[in-house]
Amino acid sequence: MEWLIFGILAFWLLVSALGAILVRSPVHSILFFLSGVLAMAALFLSLGAELLAGLQLIIYAVAIVVFYVLVITTIPWEKVKRFEGVYRKEMLLGFPVVVLVFLLISYLVLKGSLAMPVGASTDNVRDLGKTLFTSYLFPFEVASVILLVAMIGAILLGRKEE
């Protein structure tokens, strides 16, 4: 039964990811991305990682999707239309890389051990909080500054020239 649920959620995630990449409309792409975020949160829930599922929904489904919508509404799409079809060669070159990564991940999953390590902690919220705010405090703050700079850059790119 677990494999069936995993298969359904993985298929849902795969279709959502392909939809986010392949559709032409940016709004539809955001909706497919949101669907993928929900599928990933469901996968986390099925694995017993409630904290990751909650963070996935709070951070991606709310904050990042709202940010994407704001960016899409502020970008002048007349300028973007000039670049349509420019990256066709890159897509063709990227396909073998995607296949190679898929084969590598498949090999690691099939040859690896799926058992939980002995002595593993089930109190993941406390452990994650301690690790995040002690060992990784500086990278956490750097990531927040990078997101702030990206948001300011999106506002500057999207404002109307006078």
N, C-alpha and C. Protein backbone atom coordinates (compact mmCIF):
# COMPACT_ATOMS: atom_id res chain seq x y z
N MET A 1 0.82 -1.20 0.00
CA MET A 1 0.00 0.00 0.00
C MET A 1 0.87 1.27 0.00
N GLU A 2 1.99 1.22 0.74
CA GLU A 2 2.87 2.39 0.79
C GLU A 2 3.46 2.70 -0.58
N TRP A 3 3.81 1.63 -1.32
CA TRP A 3 4.38 1.83 -2.65
C TRP A 3 3.36 2.43 -3.61
N LEU A 4 2.09 2.06 -3.45
CA LEU A 4 1.04 2.61 -4.31
C LEU A 4 0.88 4.11 -4.04
N ILE A 5 0.84 4.48 -2.77
CA ILE A 5 0.73 5.90 -2.42
C ILE A 5 1.95 6.67 -2.91
N PHE A 6 3.13 6.09 -2.70
CA PHE A 6 4.35 6.74 -3.19
C PHE A 6 4.31 6.90 -4.71
N GLY A 7 3.87 5.87 -5.43
CA GLY A 7 3.80 5.93 -6.89
C GLY A 7 2.84 7.01 -7.37
N ILE A 8 1.69 7.10 -6.73
CA ILE A 8 0.72 8.13 -7.12
C ILE A 8 1.28 9.53 -6.86
N LEU A 9 1.87 9.72 -5.68
CA LEU A 9 2.43 11.03 -5.35
C LEU A 9 3.62 11.38 -6.25
N ALA A 10 4.45 10.40 -6.55
CA ALA A 10 5.60 10.65 -7.43
C ALA A 10 5.14 10.99 -8.84
N PHE A 11 4.11 10.30 -9.33
CA PHE A 11 3.58 10.61 -10.66
C PHE A 11 2.98 12.01 -10.68
N TRP A 12 2.25 12.37 -9.62
CA TRP A 12 1.68 13.71 -9.51
C TRP A 12 2.79 14.76 -9.52
N LEU A 13 3.87 14.50 -8.79
CA LEU A 13 4.99 15.43 -8.74
C LEU A 13 5.67 15.55 -10.10
N LEU A 14 5.86 14.43 -10.78
CA LEU A 14 6.50 14.44 -12.09
C LEU A 14 5.67 15.21 -13.12
N VAL A 15 4.36 14.98 -13.14
CA VAL A 15 3.49 15.70 -14.07
C VAL A 15 3.50 17.20 -13.75
N SER A 16 3.48 17.54 -12.48
CA SER A 16 3.51 18.96 -12.10
C SER A 16 4.82 19.62 -12.50
N ALA A 17 5.93 18.93 -12.32
CA ALA A 17 7.23 19.50 -12.69
C ALA A 17 7.33 19.69 -14.20
N LEU A 18 6.89 18.70 -14.95
CA LEU A 18 6.91 18.85 -16.41
C LEU A 18 5.97 19.96 -16.87
N GLY A 19 4.82 20.06 -16.23
CA GLY A 19 3.89 21.13 -16.58
C GLY A 19 4.47 22.51 -16.28
N ALA A 20 5.16 22.64 -15.16
CA ALA A 20 5.76 23.93 -14.81
C ALA A 20 6.83 24.35 -15.81
N ILE A 21 7.51 23.38 -16.38
CA ILE A 21 8.59 23.69 -17.33
C ILE A 21 8.06 23.91 -18.74
N LEU A 22 7.07 23.14 -19.14
CA LEU A 22 6.69 23.10 -20.55
C LEU A 22 5.55 24.03 -20.96
N VAL A 23 4.75 24.52 -20.03
CA VAL A 23 3.65 25.41 -20.43
C VAL A 23 4.19 26.79 -20.79
N ARG A 24 3.47 27.47 -21.65
CA ARG A 24 3.92 28.79 -22.11
C ARG A 24 3.50 29.92 -21.17
N SER A 25 2.34 29.80 -20.58
CA SER A 25 1.83 30.86 -19.73
C SER A 25 2.54 30.85 -18.37
N PRO A 26 3.07 31.99 -17.93
CA PRO A 26 3.73 32.03 -16.63
C PRO A 26 2.78 31.76 -15.46
N VAL A 27 1.53 32.15 -15.61
CA VAL A 27 0.56 31.90 -14.54
C VAL A 27 0.28 30.41 -14.42
N HIS A 28 0.12 29.73 -15.56
CA HIS A 28 -0.08 28.28 -15.53
C HIS A 28 1.16 27.58 -14.97
N SER A 29 2.32 28.11 -15.29
CA SER A 29 3.55 27.54 -14.75
C SER A 29 3.58 27.64 -13.23
N ILE A 30 3.13 28.75 -12.69
CA ILE A 30 3.07 28.90 -11.23
C ILE A 30 2.07 27.92 -10.62
N LEU A 31 0.94 27.71 -11.30
CA LEU A 31 -0.05 26.76 -10.78
C LEU A 31 0.50 25.34 -10.78
N PHE A 32 1.23 24.96 -11.84
CA PHE A 32 1.86 23.65 -11.85
C PHE A 32 2.93 23.54 -10.75
N PHE A 33 3.67 24.62 -10.54
CA PHE A 33 4.67 24.64 -9.47
C PHE A 33 4.00 24.45 -8.11
N LEU A 34 2.88 25.13 -7.90
CA LEU A 34 2.14 24.99 -6.65
C LEU A 34 1.64 23.55 -6.47
N SER A 35 1.18 22.95 -7.55
CA SER A 35 0.75 21.55 -7.50
C SER A 35 1.91 20.63 -7.13
N GLY A 36 3.08 20.91 -7.68
CA GLY A 36 4.27 20.13 -7.33
C GLY A 36 4.67 20.30 -5.88
N VAL A 37 4.53 21.51 -5.36
CA VAL A 37 4.84 21.76 -3.95
C VAL A 37 3.89 20.96 -3.05
N LEU A 38 2.61 20.92 -3.43
CA LEU A 38 1.66 20.14 -2.65
C LEU A 38 1.98 18.65 -2.71
N ALA A 39 2.37 18.17 -3.89
CA ALA A 39 2.75 16.75 -4.02
C ALA A 39 3.98 16.44 -3.18
N MET A 40 4.94 17.34 -3.17
CA MET A 40 6.15 17.11 -2.37
C MET A 40 5.82 17.11 -0.87
N ALA A 41 4.92 18.01 -0.45
CA ALA A 41 4.51 18.02 0.95
C ALA A 41 3.79 16.72 1.31
N ALA A 42 2.98 16.21 0.40
CA ALA A 42 2.31 14.92 0.64
C ALA A 42 3.33 13.79 0.73
N LEU A 43 4.37 13.84 -0.09
CA LEU A 43 5.43 12.83 0.00
C LEU A 43 6.13 12.90 1.35
N PHE A 44 6.42 14.11 1.81
CA PHE A 44 7.05 14.26 3.12
C PHE A 44 6.14 13.70 4.23
N LEU A 45 4.84 13.97 4.12
CA LEU A 45 3.92 13.44 5.12
C LEU A 45 3.89 11.92 5.10
N SER A 46 3.94 11.34 3.91
CA SER A 46 3.91 9.88 3.82
C SER A 46 5.19 9.26 4.38
N LEU A 47 6.27 10.02 4.43
CA LEU A 47 7.53 9.52 4.99
C LEU A 47 7.66 9.81 6.48
N GLY A 48 6.66 10.49 7.06
CA GLY A 48 6.70 10.78 8.48
C GLY A 48 7.47 12.04 8.84
N ALA A 49 7.76 12.88 7.86
CA ALA A 49 8.49 14.13 8.11
C ALA A 49 7.49 15.29 8.12
N GLU A 50 6.76 15.39 9.22
CA GLU A 50 5.71 16.41 9.30
C GLU A 50 6.27 17.82 9.27
N LEU A 51 7.43 18.02 9.89
CA LEU A 51 8.04 19.35 9.90
C LEU A 51 8.38 19.79 8.49
N LEU A 52 9.01 18.91 7.72
CA LEU A 52 9.36 19.27 6.35
C LEU A 52 8.12 19.54 5.51
N ALA A 53 7.06 18.77 5.72
CA ALA A 53 5.82 19.01 4.98
C ALA A 53 5.25 20.38 5.32
N GLY A 54 5.25 20.71 6.60
CA GLY A 54 4.75 22.02 7.01
C GLY A 54 5.60 23.16 6.48
N LEU A 55 6.91 23.01 6.56
CA LEU A 55 7.80 24.04 6.03
C LEU A 55 7.64 24.18 4.52
N GLN A 56 7.48 23.06 3.85
CA GLN A 56 7.27 23.07 2.40
C GLN A 56 6.03 23.89 2.06
N LEU A 57 4.96 23.67 2.79
CA LEU A 57 3.72 24.40 2.51
C LEU A 57 3.84 25.87 2.89
N ILE A 58 4.43 26.15 4.04
CA ILE A 58 4.52 27.54 4.48
C ILE A 58 5.47 28.34 3.60
N ILE A 59 6.65 27.80 3.36
CA ILE A 59 7.66 28.56 2.63
C ILE A 59 7.36 28.62 1.14
N TYR A 60 7.15 27.46 0.53
CA TYR A 60 6.98 27.45 -0.92
C TYR A 60 5.56 27.79 -1.35
N ALA A 61 4.58 27.12 -0.76
CA ALA A 61 3.21 27.30 -1.24
C ALA A 61 2.69 28.70 -0.95
N VAL A 62 3.17 29.31 0.09
CA VAL A 62 2.67 30.65 0.42
C VAL A 62 3.66 31.72 -0.03
N ALA A 63 4.83 31.72 0.54
CA ALA A 63 5.75 32.83 0.32
C ALA A 63 6.31 32.88 -1.10
N ILE A 64 6.85 31.78 -1.58
CA ILE A 64 7.51 31.79 -2.88
C ILE A 64 6.50 31.96 -4.01
N VAL A 65 5.35 31.31 -3.91
CA VAL A 65 4.34 31.46 -4.97
C VAL A 65 3.82 32.89 -5.02
N VAL A 66 3.59 33.51 -3.88
CA VAL A 66 3.18 34.92 -3.87
C VAL A 66 4.27 35.79 -4.47
N PHE A 67 5.52 35.51 -4.13
CA PHE A 67 6.64 36.24 -4.70
C PHE A 67 6.68 36.08 -6.22
N TYR A 68 6.50 34.86 -6.72
CA TYR A 68 6.48 34.63 -8.17
C TYR A 68 5.35 35.40 -8.84
N VAL A 69 4.19 35.41 -8.22
CA VAL A 69 3.06 36.14 -8.80
C VAL A 69 3.37 37.63 -8.86
N LEU A 70 3.97 38.17 -7.81
CA LEU A 70 4.35 39.59 -7.82
C LEU A 70 5.38 39.88 -8.90
N VAL A 71 6.34 39.01 -9.06
CA VAL A 71 7.36 39.21 -10.09
C VAL A 71 6.74 39.15 -11.48
N ILE A 72 5.87 38.18 -11.70
CA ILE A 72 5.25 38.03 -13.02
C ILE A 72 4.37 39.23 -13.36
N THR A 73 3.69 39.77 -12.36
CA THR A 73 2.83 40.92 -12.65
C THR A 73 3.62 42.21 -12.85
N THR A 74 4.86 42.28 -12.37
CA THR A 74 5.62 43.52 -12.52
C THR A 74 6.55 43.51 -13.72
N ILE A 75 6.83 42.35 -14.31
CA ILE A 75 7.75 42.29 -15.45
C ILE A 75 7.02 42.72 -16.72
N PRO A 76 7.60 43.63 -17.49
CA PRO A 76 7.00 43.99 -18.78
C PRO A 76 7.24 42.87 -19.79
N TRP A 77 6.19 42.17 -20.18
CA TRP A 77 6.33 40.97 -21.01
C TRP A 77 6.68 41.27 -22.45
N GLU A 78 6.59 42.54 -22.85
CA GLU A 78 7.01 42.89 -24.21
C GLU A 78 8.51 42.68 -24.38
N LYS A 79 9.27 42.97 -23.32
CA LYS A 79 10.72 42.77 -23.37
C LYS A 79 11.08 41.29 -23.37
N VAL A 80 10.29 40.49 -22.69
CA VAL A 80 10.58 39.06 -22.57
C VAL A 80 10.30 38.34 -23.88
N LYS A 81 9.33 38.79 -24.65
CA LYS A 81 8.95 38.12 -25.90
C LYS A 81 10.12 38.06 -26.88
N ARG A 82 11.07 38.98 -26.77
CA ARG A 82 12.22 38.97 -27.69
C ARG A 82 13.10 37.74 -27.49
N PHE A 83 13.09 37.15 -26.31
CA PHE A 83 13.97 36.03 -26.00
C PHE A 83 13.31 34.67 -26.22
N GLU A 84 12.10 34.65 -26.78
CA GLU A 84 11.42 33.37 -27.00
C GLU A 84 12.17 32.54 -28.02
N GLY A 85 12.41 31.30 -27.71
CA GLY A 85 13.08 30.38 -28.63
C GLY A 85 14.59 30.49 -28.65
N VAL A 86 15.17 31.31 -27.80
CA VAL A 86 16.62 31.49 -27.79
C VAL A 86 17.32 30.27 -27.21
N TYR A 87 16.70 29.61 -26.26
CA TYR A 87 17.36 28.54 -25.52
C TYR A 87 17.02 27.14 -26.05
N ARG A 88 16.74 26.99 -27.32
CA ARG A 88 16.41 25.66 -27.87
C ARG A 88 17.61 24.73 -27.85
N LYS A 89 18.80 25.25 -28.17
CA LYS A 89 20.00 24.40 -28.15
C LYS A 89 20.31 23.94 -26.73
N GLU A 90 20.12 24.81 -25.77
CA GLU A 90 20.39 24.46 -24.39
C GLU A 90 19.45 23.36 -23.91
N MET A 91 18.20 23.39 -24.38
CA MET A 91 17.27 22.34 -24.01
C MET A 91 17.71 21.00 -24.58
N LEU A 92 18.19 21.00 -25.82
CA LEU A 92 18.66 19.75 -26.42
C LEU A 92 19.91 19.23 -25.74
N LEU A 93 20.78 20.13 -25.31
CA LEU A 93 21.99 19.71 -24.60
C LEU A 93 21.68 19.27 -23.17
N GLY A 94 20.64 19.81 -22.59
CA GLY A 94 20.29 19.47 -21.22
C GLY A 94 19.61 18.12 -21.07
N PHE A 95 19.01 17.61 -22.14
CA PHE A 95 18.29 16.34 -22.06
C PHE A 95 19.19 15.18 -21.66
N PRO A 96 20.39 15.01 -22.27
CA PRO A 96 21.26 13.91 -21.81
C PRO A 96 21.68 14.06 -20.35
N VAL A 97 21.83 15.28 -19.89
CA VAL A 97 22.20 15.50 -18.48
C VAL A 97 21.06 15.03 -17.57
N VAL A 98 19.83 15.34 -17.95
CA VAL A 98 18.68 14.91 -17.16
C VAL A 98 18.61 13.39 -17.11
N VAL A 99 18.82 12.74 -18.25
CA VAL A 99 18.80 11.27 -18.29
C VAL A 99 19.91 10.69 -17.41
N LEU A 100 21.09 11.27 -17.47
CA LEU A 100 22.22 10.79 -16.66
C LEU A 100 21.94 10.95 -15.17
N VAL A 101 21.39 12.08 -14.77
CA VAL A 101 21.07 12.31 -13.36
C VAL A 101 19.98 11.33 -12.91
N PHE A 102 18.99 11.10 -13.77
CA PHE A 102 17.94 10.14 -13.44
C PHE A 102 18.51 8.74 -13.23
N LEU A 103 19.40 8.32 -14.13
CA LEU A 103 20.01 6.99 -13.99
C LEU A 103 20.86 6.89 -12.73
N LEU A 104 21.59 7.95 -12.42
CA LEU A 104 22.43 7.95 -11.21
C LEU A 104 21.58 7.86 -9.95
N ILE A 105 20.53 8.65 -9.89
CA ILE A 105 19.65 8.61 -8.71
C ILE A 105 18.96 7.26 -8.61
N SER A 106 18.53 6.71 -9.74
CA SER A 106 17.90 5.39 -9.73
C SER A 106 18.85 4.33 -9.20
N TYR A 107 20.10 4.38 -9.63
CA TYR A 107 21.10 3.43 -9.16
C TYR A 107 21.30 3.56 -7.65
N LEU A 108 21.41 4.80 -7.17
CA LEU A 108 21.63 5.01 -5.74
C LEU A 108 20.45 4.54 -4.90
N VAL A 109 19.24 4.76 -5.41
CA VAL A 109 18.05 4.34 -4.67
C VAL A 109 17.95 2.82 -4.65
N LEU A 110 18.21 2.18 -5.79
CA LEU A 110 18.07 0.72 -5.86
C LEU A 110 19.18 -0.01 -5.10
N LYS A 111 20.37 0.54 -5.06
CA LYS A 111 21.49 -0.12 -4.38
C LYS A 111 21.63 0.30 -2.92
N GLY A 112 20.99 1.38 -2.54
CA GLY A 112 21.14 1.89 -1.18
C GLY A 112 20.24 1.18 -0.20
N SER A 113 20.48 1.45 1.06
CA SER A 113 19.67 0.87 2.13
C SER A 113 18.56 1.85 2.48
N LEU A 114 17.34 1.34 2.57
CA LEU A 114 16.20 2.19 2.89
C LEU A 114 15.86 2.14 4.38
N ALA A 115 16.62 1.38 5.15
CA ALA A 115 16.35 1.24 6.58
C ALA A 115 16.82 2.49 7.32
N MET A 116 16.11 2.81 8.37
CA MET A 116 16.49 3.95 9.20
C MET A 116 17.69 3.56 10.05
N PRO A 117 18.69 4.42 10.15
CA PRO A 117 19.88 4.07 10.93
C PRO A 117 19.53 3.83 12.40
N VAL A 118 20.28 2.94 13.02
CA VAL A 118 20.05 2.62 14.42
C VAL A 118 20.40 3.84 15.26
N GLY A 119 19.52 4.16 16.19
CA GLY A 119 19.77 5.29 17.06
C GLY A 119 19.38 6.63 16.45
N ALA A 120 18.66 6.60 15.34
CA ALA A 120 18.25 7.86 14.70
C ALA A 120 17.19 8.54 15.56
N SER A 121 17.27 9.83 15.62
CA SER A 121 16.35 10.60 16.43
C SER A 121 15.04 10.81 15.69
N THR A 122 13.94 10.69 16.42
CA THR A 122 12.65 10.98 15.82
C THR A 122 12.17 12.38 16.18
N ASP A 123 12.92 13.08 17.01
CA ASP A 123 12.56 14.44 17.38
C ASP A 123 13.24 15.40 16.41
N ASN A 124 12.75 15.42 15.17
CA ASN A 124 13.44 16.16 14.12
C ASN A 124 13.28 17.67 14.25
N VAL A 125 12.23 18.14 14.90
CA VAL A 125 12.03 19.59 15.02
C VAL A 125 13.11 20.22 15.90
N ARG A 126 13.34 19.61 17.05
CA ARG A 126 14.35 20.16 17.97
C ARG A 126 15.75 20.07 17.36
N ASP A 127 16.05 18.92 16.75
CA ASP A 127 17.38 18.75 16.14
C ASP A 127 17.60 19.74 15.00
N LEU A 128 16.58 19.94 14.18
CA LEU A 128 16.71 20.88 13.07
C LEU A 128 16.88 22.30 13.58
N GLY A 129 16.12 22.68 14.60
CA GLY A 129 16.26 24.01 15.16
C GLY A 129 17.63 24.27 15.75
N LYS A 130 18.15 23.30 16.48
CA LYS A 130 19.49 23.45 17.05
C LYS A 130 20.54 23.57 15.96
N THR A 131 20.45 22.72 14.96
CA THR A 131 21.43 22.75 13.88
C THR A 131 21.34 24.04 13.08
N LEU A 132 20.12 24.47 12.78
CA LEU A 132 19.94 25.65 11.95
C LEU A 132 20.44 26.91 12.63
N PHE A 133 20.17 27.05 13.91
CA PHE A 133 20.52 28.30 14.59
C PHE A 133 21.83 28.24 15.36
N THR A 134 22.59 27.15 15.24
CA THR A 134 23.93 27.11 15.82
C THR A 134 24.97 26.95 14.72
N SER A 135 24.96 25.81 14.07
CA SER A 135 25.98 25.53 13.05
C SER A 135 25.77 26.31 11.76
N TYR A 136 24.51 26.53 11.39
CA TYR A 136 24.22 27.13 10.09
C TYR A 136 23.56 28.50 10.22
N LEU A 137 23.86 29.24 11.27
CA LEU A 137 23.25 30.56 11.44
C LEU A 137 23.72 31.53 10.36
N PHE A 138 25.01 31.56 10.08
CA PHE A 138 25.52 32.49 9.07
C PHE A 138 24.98 32.18 7.68
N PRO A 139 25.01 30.93 7.20
CA PRO A 139 24.42 30.66 5.88
C PRO A 139 22.92 30.97 5.84
N PHE A 140 22.22 30.78 6.94
CA PHE A 140 20.80 31.10 7.01
C PHE A 140 20.58 32.60 6.81
N GLU A 141 21.39 33.41 7.45
CA GLU A 141 21.28 34.86 7.30
C GLU A 141 21.70 35.31 5.90
N VAL A 142 22.72 34.67 5.34
CA VAL A 142 23.14 35.01 3.97
C VAL A 142 22.03 34.70 2.98
N ALA A 143 21.34 33.59 3.17
CA ALA A 143 20.22 33.24 2.28
C ALA A 143 19.11 34.29 2.38
N SER A 144 18.85 34.80 3.57
CA SER A 144 17.81 35.82 3.71
C SER A 144 18.22 37.12 3.03
N VAL A 145 19.49 37.48 3.10
CA VAL A 145 19.97 38.69 2.41
C VAL A 145 19.89 38.51 0.90
N ILE A 146 20.23 37.32 0.40
CA ILE A 146 20.14 37.06 -1.04
C ILE A 146 18.70 37.17 -1.52
N LEU A 147 17.76 36.64 -0.75
CA LEU A 147 16.35 36.76 -1.12
C LEU A 147 15.89 38.22 -1.11
N LEU A 148 16.37 39.00 -0.15
CA LEU A 148 16.03 40.42 -0.10
C LEU A 148 16.57 41.15 -1.32
N VAL A 149 17.81 40.87 -1.70
CA VAL A 149 18.40 41.50 -2.88
C VAL A 149 17.65 41.09 -4.15
N ALA A 150 17.25 39.83 -4.24
CA ALA A 150 16.48 39.37 -5.40
C ALA A 150 15.14 40.08 -5.48
N MET A 151 14.50 40.30 -4.35
CA MET A 151 13.21 40.99 -4.36
C MET A 151 13.38 42.45 -4.77
N ILE A 152 14.40 43.11 -4.28
CA ILE A 152 14.66 44.50 -4.68
C ILE A 152 14.99 44.56 -6.16
N GLY A 153 15.78 43.60 -6.66
CA GLY A 153 16.10 43.56 -8.08
C GLY A 153 14.87 43.35 -8.94
N ALA A 154 13.95 42.50 -8.51
CA ALA A 154 12.72 42.29 -9.27
C ALA A 154 11.87 43.55 -9.31
N ILE A 155 11.84 44.28 -8.22
CA ILE A 155 11.08 45.53 -8.19
C ILE A 155 11.72 46.55 -9.13
N LEU A 156 13.05 46.64 -9.12
CA LEU A 156 13.73 47.59 -10.00
C LEU A 156 13.57 47.21 -11.46
N LEU A 157 13.60 45.92 -11.78
CA LEU A 157 13.41 45.49 -13.16
C LEU A 157 11.99 45.73 -13.64
N GLY A 158 11.04 45.63 -12.73
CA GLY A 158 9.65 45.73 -13.13
C GLY A 158 9.07 47.12 -13.13
N ARG A 159 9.77 48.08 -12.57
CA ARG A 159 9.18 49.42 -12.52
C ARG A 159 9.17 50.06 -13.90
N LYS A 160 8.26 50.95 -14.08
CA LYS A 160 8.10 51.61 -15.38
C LYS A 160 9.11 52.72 -15.53
N GLU A 161 9.68 52.78 -16.72
CA GLU A 161 10.65 53.83 -17.00
C GLU A 161 9.91 55.11 -17.36
N GLU A 162 10.43 56.22 -16.89
CA GLU A 162 9.77 57.50 -17.18
C GLU A 162 10.58 58.32 -18.13
